[in-house]
């Protein structure tokens, strides 16, 4: 497909909004528990790397009128984002369990395990069926599931904390993600449709960025540094009721 330069540049906007959103996620989770913070920080870097690689691929394709097609940049979207969103989702799950004074062991174990299994299955499919898109579909499927899971975790947390505006914005992001997934599956990906998709993507991540900023500010105000550290230490031990 031929991309216009303006359309390709527009693709960097959701990457920017994603970066802002994940900045707040990393700050919030790291505030509650530094170990979970490192997990989501790695996930955030992988997601941003995938988004930047994809946008860069589009820009190169647009400037060269399709003559220069660097496939690894295009494929990096799935390769980086699938494990990235998995680490983010499990890290945030761990954080939500910690503030409820529950053990963070399940997400600590299942997070890395899910990443390893996803990459192993995708690599096996790529080696066994090099001409099939099955390997990328595995990564795409896990990326979508993990991204939706991340949003749902934030929605549940915002509802529990009675953050109505954040809940509304997170619901907007959730709807936008579902709409974008539907639009991306349409067979005829025209330039106007691409504009619509990127606009939906930008609006979704802008809503998520504002929402996570609200949740982060609320978390710092409610729990405080000492309370967060004590809760993290407690969650590292035996689960409590």
C-alpha atoms as a PDB file:
ATOM      1  CA  UNK A   1       0.000   0.000   0.000  1.00  0.00           C
ATOM      2  CA  UNK A   2       1.200   3.529  -0.803  1.00  0.00           C
ATOM      3  CA  UNK A   3       1.367   5.903   2.180  1.00  0.00           C
ATOM      4  CA  UNK A   4       1.455   9.676   1.937  1.00  0.00           C
ATOM      5  CA  UNK A   5       4.161  11.500   3.904  1.00  0.00           C
ATOM      6  CA  UNK A   6       1.552  13.409   5.910  1.00  0.00           C
ATOM      7  CA  UNK A   7      -0.243  10.184   6.822  1.00  0.00           C
ATOM      8  CA  UNK A   8       3.049   8.575   7.832  1.00  0.00           C
ATOM      9  CA  UNK A   9       3.972  11.544  10.026  1.00  0.00           C
ATOM     10  CA  UNK A  10       0.516  11.422  11.599  1.00  0.00           C
ATOM     11  CA  UNK A  11       1.293   7.883  12.743  1.00  0.00           C
ATOM     12  CA  UNK A  12       3.854   9.272  15.196  1.00  0.00           C
ATOM     13  CA  UNK A  13       1.092  11.083  17.135  1.00  0.00           C
ATOM     14  CA  UNK A  14      -0.377   7.984  18.816  1.00  0.00           C
ATOM     15  CA  UNK A  15       3.189   6.895  19.615  1.00  0.00           C
ATOM     16  CA  UNK A  16       3.663  10.213  21.420  1.00  0.00           C
ATOM     17  CA  UNK A  17       0.406   9.827  23.350  1.00  0.00           C
ATOM     18  CA  UNK A  18       1.341   6.232  24.171  1.00  0.00           C
ATOM     19  CA  UNK A  19       4.660   7.437  25.556  1.00  0.00           C
ATOM     20  CA  UNK A  20       2.914   9.946  27.829  1.00  0.00           C
ATOM     21  CA  UNK A  21       0.442   7.309  29.024  1.00  0.00           C
ATOM     22  CA  UNK A  22       3.117   4.727  29.738  1.00  0.00           C
ATOM     23  CA  UNK A  23       5.211   7.323  31.545  1.00  0.00           C
ATOM     24  CA  UNK A  24       2.381   7.706  34.061  1.00  0.00           C
ATOM     25  CA  UNK A  25       1.913   3.934  34.257  1.00  0.00           C
ATOM     26  CA  UNK A  26       5.589   3.389  35.034  1.00  0.00           C
ATOM     27  CA  UNK A  27       5.594   6.188  37.613  1.00  0.00           C
ATOM     28  CA  UNK A  28       2.471   4.844  39.322  1.00  0.00           C
ATOM     29  CA  UNK A  29       3.496   1.197  39.475  1.00  0.00           C
ATOM     30  CA  UNK A  30       7.050   2.102  40.490  1.00  0.00           C
ATOM     31  CA  UNK A  31       5.680   4.297  43.268  1.00  0.00           C
ATOM     32  CA  UNK A  32       3.718   1.382  44.720  1.00  0.00           C
ATOM     33  CA  UNK A  33       6.457  -1.233  44.241  1.00  0.00           C
ATOM     34  CA  UNK A  34       9.840  -0.710  42.574  1.00  0.00           C
ATOM     35  CA  UNK A  35      10.067  -4.337  41.420  1.00  0.00           C
ATOM     36  CA  UNK A  36       6.770  -4.126  39.520  1.00  0.00           C
ATOM     37  CA  UNK A  37       7.897  -0.727  38.280  1.00  0.00           C
ATOM     38  CA  UNK A  38      10.915  -2.257  36.561  1.00  0.00           C
ATOM     39  CA  UNK A  39       8.653  -4.814  34.886  1.00  0.00           C
ATOM     40  CA  UNK A  40       6.320  -2.205  33.421  1.00  0.00           C
ATOM     41  CA  UNK A  41       9.257   0.031  32.471  1.00  0.00           C
ATOM     42  CA  UNK A  42      10.652  -2.757  30.295  1.00  0.00           C
ATOM     43  CA  UNK A  43       7.207  -3.358  28.829  1.00  0.00           C
ATOM     44  CA  UNK A  44       6.786   0.345  28.091  1.00  0.00           C
ATOM     45  CA  UNK A  45      10.138   0.502  26.286  1.00  0.00           C
ATOM     46  CA  UNK A  46       9.209  -2.488  24.124  1.00  0.00           C
ATOM     47  CA  UNK A  47       5.797  -1.025  23.221  1.00  0.00           C
ATOM     48  CA  UNK A  48       7.313   2.341  22.281  1.00  0.00           C
ATOM     49  CA  UNK A  49      10.048   0.617  20.282  1.00  0.00           C
ATOM     50  CA  UNK A  50       7.431  -1.314  18.310  1.00  0.00           C
ATOM     51  CA  UNK A  51       5.277   1.747  17.660  1.00  0.00           C
ATOM     52  CA  UNK A  52       8.253   3.876  16.641  1.00  0.00           C
ATOM     53  CA  UNK A  53       9.573   1.159  14.327  1.00  0.00           C
ATOM     54  CA  UNK A  54       6.195   0.827  12.580  1.00  0.00           C
ATOM     55  CA  UNK A  55       5.792   4.594  12.163  1.00  0.00           C
ATOM     56  CA  UNK A  56       9.353   4.853  10.850  1.00  0.00           C
ATOM     57  CA  UNK A  57       8.646   2.078   8.338  1.00  0.00           C
ATOM     58  CA  UNK A  58       5.584   3.949   7.079  1.00  0.00           C
ATOM     59  CA  UNK A  59       7.550   7.167   6.733  1.00  0.00           C
ATOM     60  CA  UNK A  60      10.339   5.459   4.751  1.00  0.00           C
ATOM     61  CA  UNK A  61       7.748   3.801   2.527  1.00  0.00           C
ATOM     62  CA  UNK A  62       6.039   7.149   1.943  1.00  0.00           C
ATOM     63  CA  UNK A  63       9.230   9.066   1.164  1.00  0.00           C
ATOM     64  CA  UNK A  64      10.484   6.345  -1.204  1.00  0.00           C
ATOM     65  CA  UNK A  65       7.030   5.838  -2.796  1.00  0.00           C
ATOM     66  CA  UNK A  66       7.174   2.214  -1.701  1.00  0.00           C
ATOM     67  CA  UNK A  67      10.613   1.515  -3.196  1.00  0.00           C
ATOM     68  CA  UNK A  68      12.307   0.985   0.182  1.00  0.00           C
ATOM     69  CA  UNK A  69      10.521  -1.669   2.236  1.00  0.00           C
ATOM     70  CA  UNK A  70      12.432  -2.526   5.419  1.00  0.00           C
ATOM     71  CA  UNK A  71      10.396  -5.502   6.553  1.00  0.00           C
ATOM     72  CA  UNK A  72      11.996  -5.921   9.965  1.00  0.00           C
ATOM     73  CA  UNK A  73      10.817  -2.438  10.911  1.00  0.00           C
ATOM     74  CA  UNK A  74       7.268  -3.381   9.948  1.00  0.00           C
ATOM     75  CA  UNK A  75       7.452  -6.732  11.766  1.00  0.00           C
ATOM     76  CA  UNK A  76       8.902  -5.062  14.863  1.00  0.00           C
ATOM     77  CA  UNK A  77       5.429  -3.801  15.745  1.00  0.00           C
ATOM     78  CA  UNK A  78       4.332  -7.304  16.730  1.00  0.00           C
ATOM     79  CA  UNK A  79       7.699  -8.584  17.923  1.00  0.00           C
ATOM     80  CA  UNK A  80       8.122  -5.760  20.442  1.00  0.00           C
ATOM     81  CA  UNK A  81       4.538  -4.900  21.321  1.00  0.00           C
ATOM     82  CA  UNK A  82       3.301  -8.408  22.169  1.00  0.00           C
ATOM     83  CA  UNK A  83       5.821  -9.003  25.000  1.00  0.00           C
ATOM     84  CA  UNK A  84       5.667  -5.318  25.904  1.00  0.00           C
ATOM     85  CA  UNK A  85       1.930  -5.283  26.538  1.00  0.00           C
ATOM     86  CA  UNK A  86       2.148  -8.613  28.353  1.00  0.00           C
ATOM     87  CA  UNK A  87       4.732  -7.195  30.775  1.00  0.00           C
ATOM     88  CA  UNK A  88       2.636  -4.057  31.233  1.00  0.00           C
ATOM     89  CA  UNK A  89      -0.541  -6.004  31.914  1.00  0.00           C
ATOM     90  CA  UNK A  90       1.047  -8.387  34.409  1.00  0.00           C
ATOM     91  CA  UNK A  91       2.963  -5.545  36.068  1.00  0.00           C
ATOM     92  CA  UNK A  92      -0.202  -3.501  36.560  1.00  0.00           C
ATOM     93  CA  UNK A  93      -2.009  -6.611  37.785  1.00  0.00           C
ATOM     94  CA  UNK A  94       0.752  -7.058  40.341  1.00  0.00           C
ATOM     95  CA  UNK A  95       0.394  -3.434  41.418  1.00  0.00           C
ATOM     96  CA  UNK A  96      -3.374  -3.726  41.871  1.00  0.00           C
ATOM     97  CA  UNK A  97      -2.886  -6.858  43.983  1.00  0.00           C
ATOM     98  CA  UNK A  98      -0.266  -5.091  46.079  1.00  0.00           C
ATOM     99  CA  UNK A  99      -2.524  -2.149  46.957  1.00  0.00           C
ATOM    100  CA  UNK A 100      -5.151  -4.699  48.006  1.00  0.00           C
ATOM    101  CA  UNK A 101      -2.488  -6.325  50.211  1.00  0.00           C
ATOM    102  CA  UNK A 102      -2.470  -9.525  48.201  1.00  0.00           C
ATOM    103  CA  UNK A 103       0.543 -11.522  47.090  1.00  0.00           C
ATOM    104  CA  UNK A 104       2.140 -10.349  43.832  1.00  0.00           C
ATOM    105  CA  UNK A 105       3.589 -13.823  43.174  1.00  0.00           C
ATOM    106  CA  UNK A 106       1.061 -14.822  40.444  1.00  0.00           C
ATOM    107  CA  UNK A 107       1.889 -11.887  38.123  1.00  0.00           C
ATOM    108  CA  UNK A 108       5.602 -12.160  38.972  1.00  0.00           C
ATOM    109  CA  UNK A 109       5.625 -15.759  37.727  1.00  0.00           C
ATOM    110  CA  UNK A 110       3.008 -15.656  34.959  1.00  0.00           C
ATOM    111  CA  UNK A 111       4.285 -12.463  33.314  1.00  0.00           C
ATOM    112  CA  UNK A 112       7.712 -13.722  32.188  1.00  0.00           C
ATOM    113  CA  UNK A 113       6.232 -17.173  31.498  1.00  0.00           C
ATOM    114  CA  UNK A 114       3.590 -15.753  29.138  1.00  0.00           C
ATOM    115  CA  UNK A 115       6.219 -13.724  27.279  1.00  0.00           C
ATOM    116  CA  UNK A 116       8.495 -16.736  26.896  1.00  0.00           C
ATOM    117  CA  UNK A 117       5.690 -19.000  25.663  1.00  0.00           C
ATOM    118  CA  UNK A 118       4.375 -16.419  23.207  1.00  0.00           C
ATOM    119  CA  UNK A 119       7.783 -15.792  21.681  1.00  0.00           C
ATOM    120  CA  UNK A 120       8.597 -19.515  21.601  1.00  0.00           C
ATOM    121  CA  UNK A 121       5.367 -20.389  19.755  1.00  0.00           C
ATOM    122  CA  UNK A 122       5.820 -17.529  17.318  1.00  0.00           C
ATOM    123  CA  UNK A 123       9.443 -18.488  16.612  1.00  0.00           C
ATOM    124  CA  UNK A 124       8.508 -22.135  16.108  1.00  0.00           C
ATOM    125  CA  UNK A 125       5.801 -21.169  13.592  1.00  0.00           C
ATOM    126  CA  UNK A 126       8.211 -18.869  11.770  1.00  0.00           C
ATOM    127  CA  UNK A 127      10.762 -21.685  11.437  1.00  0.00           C
ATOM    128  CA  UNK A 128       8.275 -24.417  10.547  1.00  0.00           C
ATOM    129  CA  UNK A 129       6.100 -22.316   8.223  1.00  0.00           C
ATOM    130  CA  UNK A 130       8.270 -19.447   6.942  1.00  0.00           C
ATOM    131  CA  UNK A 131       5.790 -18.548   4.194  1.00  0.00           C
ATOM    132  CA  UNK A 132       2.814 -18.416   6.561  1.00  0.00           C
ATOM    133  CA  UNK A 133       1.701 -15.333   8.551  1.00  0.00           C
ATOM    134  CA  UNK A 134       0.824 -17.612  11.479  1.00  0.00           C
ATOM    135  CA  UNK A 135       3.790 -16.409  13.554  1.00  0.00           C
ATOM    136  CA  UNK A 136       2.706 -12.779  13.335  1.00  0.00           C
ATOM    137  CA  UNK A 137      -0.926 -13.660  14.050  1.00  0.00           C
ATOM    138  CA  UNK A 138       0.115 -15.273  17.326  1.00  0.00           C
ATOM    139  CA  UNK A 139       1.931 -12.088  18.329  1.00  0.00           C
ATOM    140  CA  UNK A 140      -0.924  -9.887  17.129  1.00  0.00           C
ATOM    141  CA  UNK A 141      -3.463 -11.940  19.070  1.00  0.00           C
ATOM    142  CA  UNK A 142      -1.458 -11.755  22.285  1.00  0.00           C
ATOM    143  CA  UNK A 143      -0.823  -8.041  21.764  1.00  0.00           C
ATOM    144  CA  UNK A 144      -4.549  -7.304  21.455  1.00  0.00           C
ATOM    145  CA  UNK A 145      -5.475  -9.506  24.430  1.00  0.00           C
ATOM    146  CA  UNK A 146      -2.758  -7.983  26.631  1.00  0.00           C
ATOM    147  CA  UNK A 147      -3.644  -4.409  25.620  1.00  0.00           C
ATOM    148  CA  UNK A 148      -7.307  -5.031  26.406  1.00  0.00           C
ATOM    149  CA  UNK A 149      -6.324  -6.693  29.670  1.00  0.00           C
ATOM    150  CA  UNK A 150      -4.210  -3.681  30.629  1.00  0.00           C
ATOM    151  CA  UNK A 151      -7.148  -1.367  30.016  1.00  0.00           C
ATOM    152  CA  UNK A 152      -9.603  -3.576  31.926  1.00  0.00           C
ATOM    153  CA  UNK A 153      -7.229  -3.677  34.906  1.00  0.00           C
ATOM    154  CA  UNK A 154      -7.110   0.108  34.936  1.00  0.00           C
ATOM    155  CA  UNK A 155     -10.899   0.349  34.611  1.00  0.00           C
ATOM    156  CA  UNK A 156     -11.392  -1.971  37.595  1.00  0.00           C
ATOM    157  CA  UNK A 157      -8.830  -0.030  39.636  1.00  0.00           C
ATOM    158  CA  UNK A 158     -10.411   3.332  38.732  1.00  0.00           C
ATOM    159  CA  UNK A 159     -13.883   2.062  39.613  1.00  0.00           C
ATOM    160  CA  UNK A 160     -12.666   0.751  42.981  1.00  0.00           C
ATOM    161  CA  UNK A 161     -10.992   4.083  43.695  1.00  0.00           C
ATOM    162  CA  UNK A 162     -14.127   5.953  42.528  1.00  0.00           C
ATOM    163  CA  UNK A 163     -12.299   7.924  39.850  1.00  0.00           C
ATOM    164  CA  UNK A 164     -15.254   8.671  37.590  1.00  0.00           C
ATOM    165  CA  UNK A 165     -13.477  10.809  34.975  1.00  0.00           C
ATOM    166  CA  UNK A 166     -10.625   8.326  34.685  1.00  0.00           C
ATOM    167  CA  UNK A 167     -13.130   5.481  34.337  1.00  0.00           C
ATOM    168  CA  UNK A 168     -14.912   7.307  31.512  1.00  0.00           C
ATOM    169  CA  UNK A 169     -11.643   8.011  29.690  1.00  0.00           C
ATOM    170  CA  UNK A 170     -10.473   4.424  30.119  1.00  0.00           C
ATOM    171  CA  UNK A 171     -13.796   3.178  28.755  1.00  0.00           C
ATOM    172  CA  UNK A 172     -13.265   5.481  25.770  1.00  0.00           C
ATOM    173  CA  UNK A 173      -9.858   3.917  25.191  1.00  0.00           C
ATOM    174  CA  UNK A 174     -11.352   0.430  25.468  1.00  0.00           C
ATOM    175  CA  UNK A 175     -14.034   1.210  22.877  1.00  0.00           C
ATOM    176  CA  UNK A 176     -11.429   2.821  20.622  1.00  0.00           C
ATOM    177  CA  UNK A 177      -9.234  -0.274  20.822  1.00  0.00           C
ATOM    178  CA  UNK A 178     -12.125  -2.518  19.800  1.00  0.00           C
ATOM    179  CA  UNK A 179     -13.117  -0.206  16.938  1.00  0.00           C
ATOM    180  CA  UNK A 180      -9.522  -0.009  15.732  1.00  0.00           C
ATOM    181  CA  UNK A 181      -9.205  -3.795  15.795  1.00  0.00           C
ATOM    182  CA  UNK A 182     -12.355  -4.042  13.659  1.00  0.00           C
ATOM    183  CA  UNK A 183     -11.175  -1.410  11.169  1.00  0.00           C
ATOM    184  CA  UNK A 184      -7.741  -3.025  10.848  1.00  0.00           C
ATOM    185  CA  UNK A 185      -9.392  -6.288   9.733  1.00  0.00           C
ATOM    186  CA  UNK A 186     -11.201  -4.676   6.800  1.00  0.00           C
ATOM    187  CA  UNK A 187      -9.757  -6.038   3.529  1.00  0.00           C
ATOM    188  CA  UNK A 188      -9.611  -2.752   1.584  1.00  0.00           C
ATOM    189  CA  UNK A 189      -7.236  -0.518   3.544  1.00  0.00           C
ATOM    190  CA  UNK A 190      -7.665   2.747   1.653  1.00  0.00           C
ATOM    191  CA  UNK A 191      -5.906   6.015   2.490  1.00  0.00           C
ATOM    192  CA  UNK A 192      -9.105   7.582   3.950  1.00  0.00           C
ATOM    193  CA  UNK A 193      -9.622   4.495   6.100  1.00  0.00           C
ATOM    194  CA  UNK A 194      -6.018   4.763   7.295  1.00  0.00           C
ATOM    195  CA  UNK A 195      -6.701   8.342   8.370  1.00  0.00           C
ATOM    196  CA  UNK A 196      -9.742   7.195  10.316  1.00  0.00           C
ATOM    197  CA  UNK A 197      -7.781   4.380  11.974  1.00  0.00           C
ATOM    198  CA  UNK A 198      -4.943   6.646  13.027  1.00  0.00           C
ATOM    199  CA  UNK A 199      -7.370   9.261  14.336  1.00  0.00           C
ATOM    200  CA  UNK A 200      -9.172   6.637  16.427  1.00  0.00           C
ATOM    201  CA  UNK A 201      -5.809   5.342  17.659  1.00  0.00           C
ATOM    202  CA  UNK A 202      -4.619   8.844  18.588  1.00  0.00           C
ATOM    203  CA  UNK A 203      -7.858   9.723  20.405  1.00  0.00           C
ATOM    204  CA  UNK A 204      -7.818   6.400  22.291  1.00  0.00           C
ATOM    205  CA  UNK A 205      -4.267   6.852  23.537  1.00  0.00           C
ATOM    206  CA  UNK A 206      -4.856  10.509  24.405  1.00  0.00           C
ATOM    207  CA  UNK A 207      -7.786   9.417  26.588  1.00  0.00           C
ATOM    208  CA  UNK A 208      -5.607   6.716  28.155  1.00  0.00           C
ATOM    209  CA  UNK A 209      -2.800   9.218  28.802  1.00  0.00           C
ATOM    210  CA  UNK A 210      -5.104  11.643  30.622  1.00  0.00           C
ATOM    211  CA  UNK A 211      -6.711   8.790  32.575  1.00  0.00           C
ATOM    212  CA  UNK A 212      -3.409   7.301  33.728  1.00  0.00           C
ATOM    213  CA  UNK A 213      -2.226  10.748  34.802  1.00  0.00           C
ATOM    214  CA  UNK A 214      -5.326  11.062  36.989  1.00  0.00           C
ATOM    215  CA  UNK A 215      -4.882   7.577  38.449  1.00  0.00           C
ATOM    216  CA  UNK A 216      -1.198   8.220  39.170  1.00  0.00           C
ATOM    217  CA  UNK A 217      -1.935  11.487  41.007  1.00  0.00           C
ATOM    218  CA  UNK A 218      -4.660   9.784  43.036  1.00  0.00           C
ATOM    219  CA  UNK A 219      -2.380   6.861  43.928  1.00  0.00           C
ATOM    220  CA  UNK A 220       0.358   9.149  45.257  1.00  0.00           C
ATOM    221  CA  UNK A 221      -2.138  11.191  47.252  1.00  0.00           C
ATOM    222  CA  UNK A 222      -3.981   8.250  48.770  1.00  0.00           C
ATOM    223  CA  UNK A 223      -1.207   5.835  49.599  1.00  0.00           C
ATOM    224  CA  UNK A 224       1.836   8.001  50.263  1.00  0.00           C
ATOM    225  CA  UNK A 225       5.461   6.878  50.044  1.00  0.00           C
ATOM    226  CA  UNK A 226       5.593   5.047  53.396  1.00  0.00           C
ATOM    227  CA  UNK A 227       2.286   3.277  52.867  1.00  0.00           C
ATOM    228  CA  UNK A 228       3.241   2.187  49.361  1.00  0.00           C
ATOM    229  CA  UNK A 229       6.586   0.787  50.529  1.00  0.00           C
ATOM    230  CA  UNK A 230       4.971  -1.063  53.427  1.00  0.00           C
ATOM    231  CA  UNK A 231       2.267  -2.502  51.175  1.00  0.00           C
ATOM    232  CA  UNK A 232       4.847  -3.687  48.651  1.00  0.00           C
ATOM    233  CA  UNK A 233       6.880  -5.384  51.387  1.00  0.00           C
ATOM    234  CA  UNK A 234       3.763  -7.072  52.726  1.00  0.00           C
ATOM    235  CA  UNK A 235       2.708  -8.306  49.294  1.00  0.00           C
ATOM    236  CA  UNK A 236       6.107  -9.871  48.792  1.00  0.00           C
ATOM    237  CA  UNK A 237       5.360 -12.294  51.577  1.00  0.00           C
ATOM    238  CA  UNK A 238       2.281 -14.327  52.435  1.00  0.00           C
ATOM    239  CA  UNK A 239      -1.078 -13.381  50.930  1.00  0.00           C
ATOM    240  CA  UNK A 240      -3.527 -11.900  53.364  1.00  0.00           C
ATOM    241  CA  UNK A 241      -7.307 -11.759  53.364  1.00  0.00           C
END
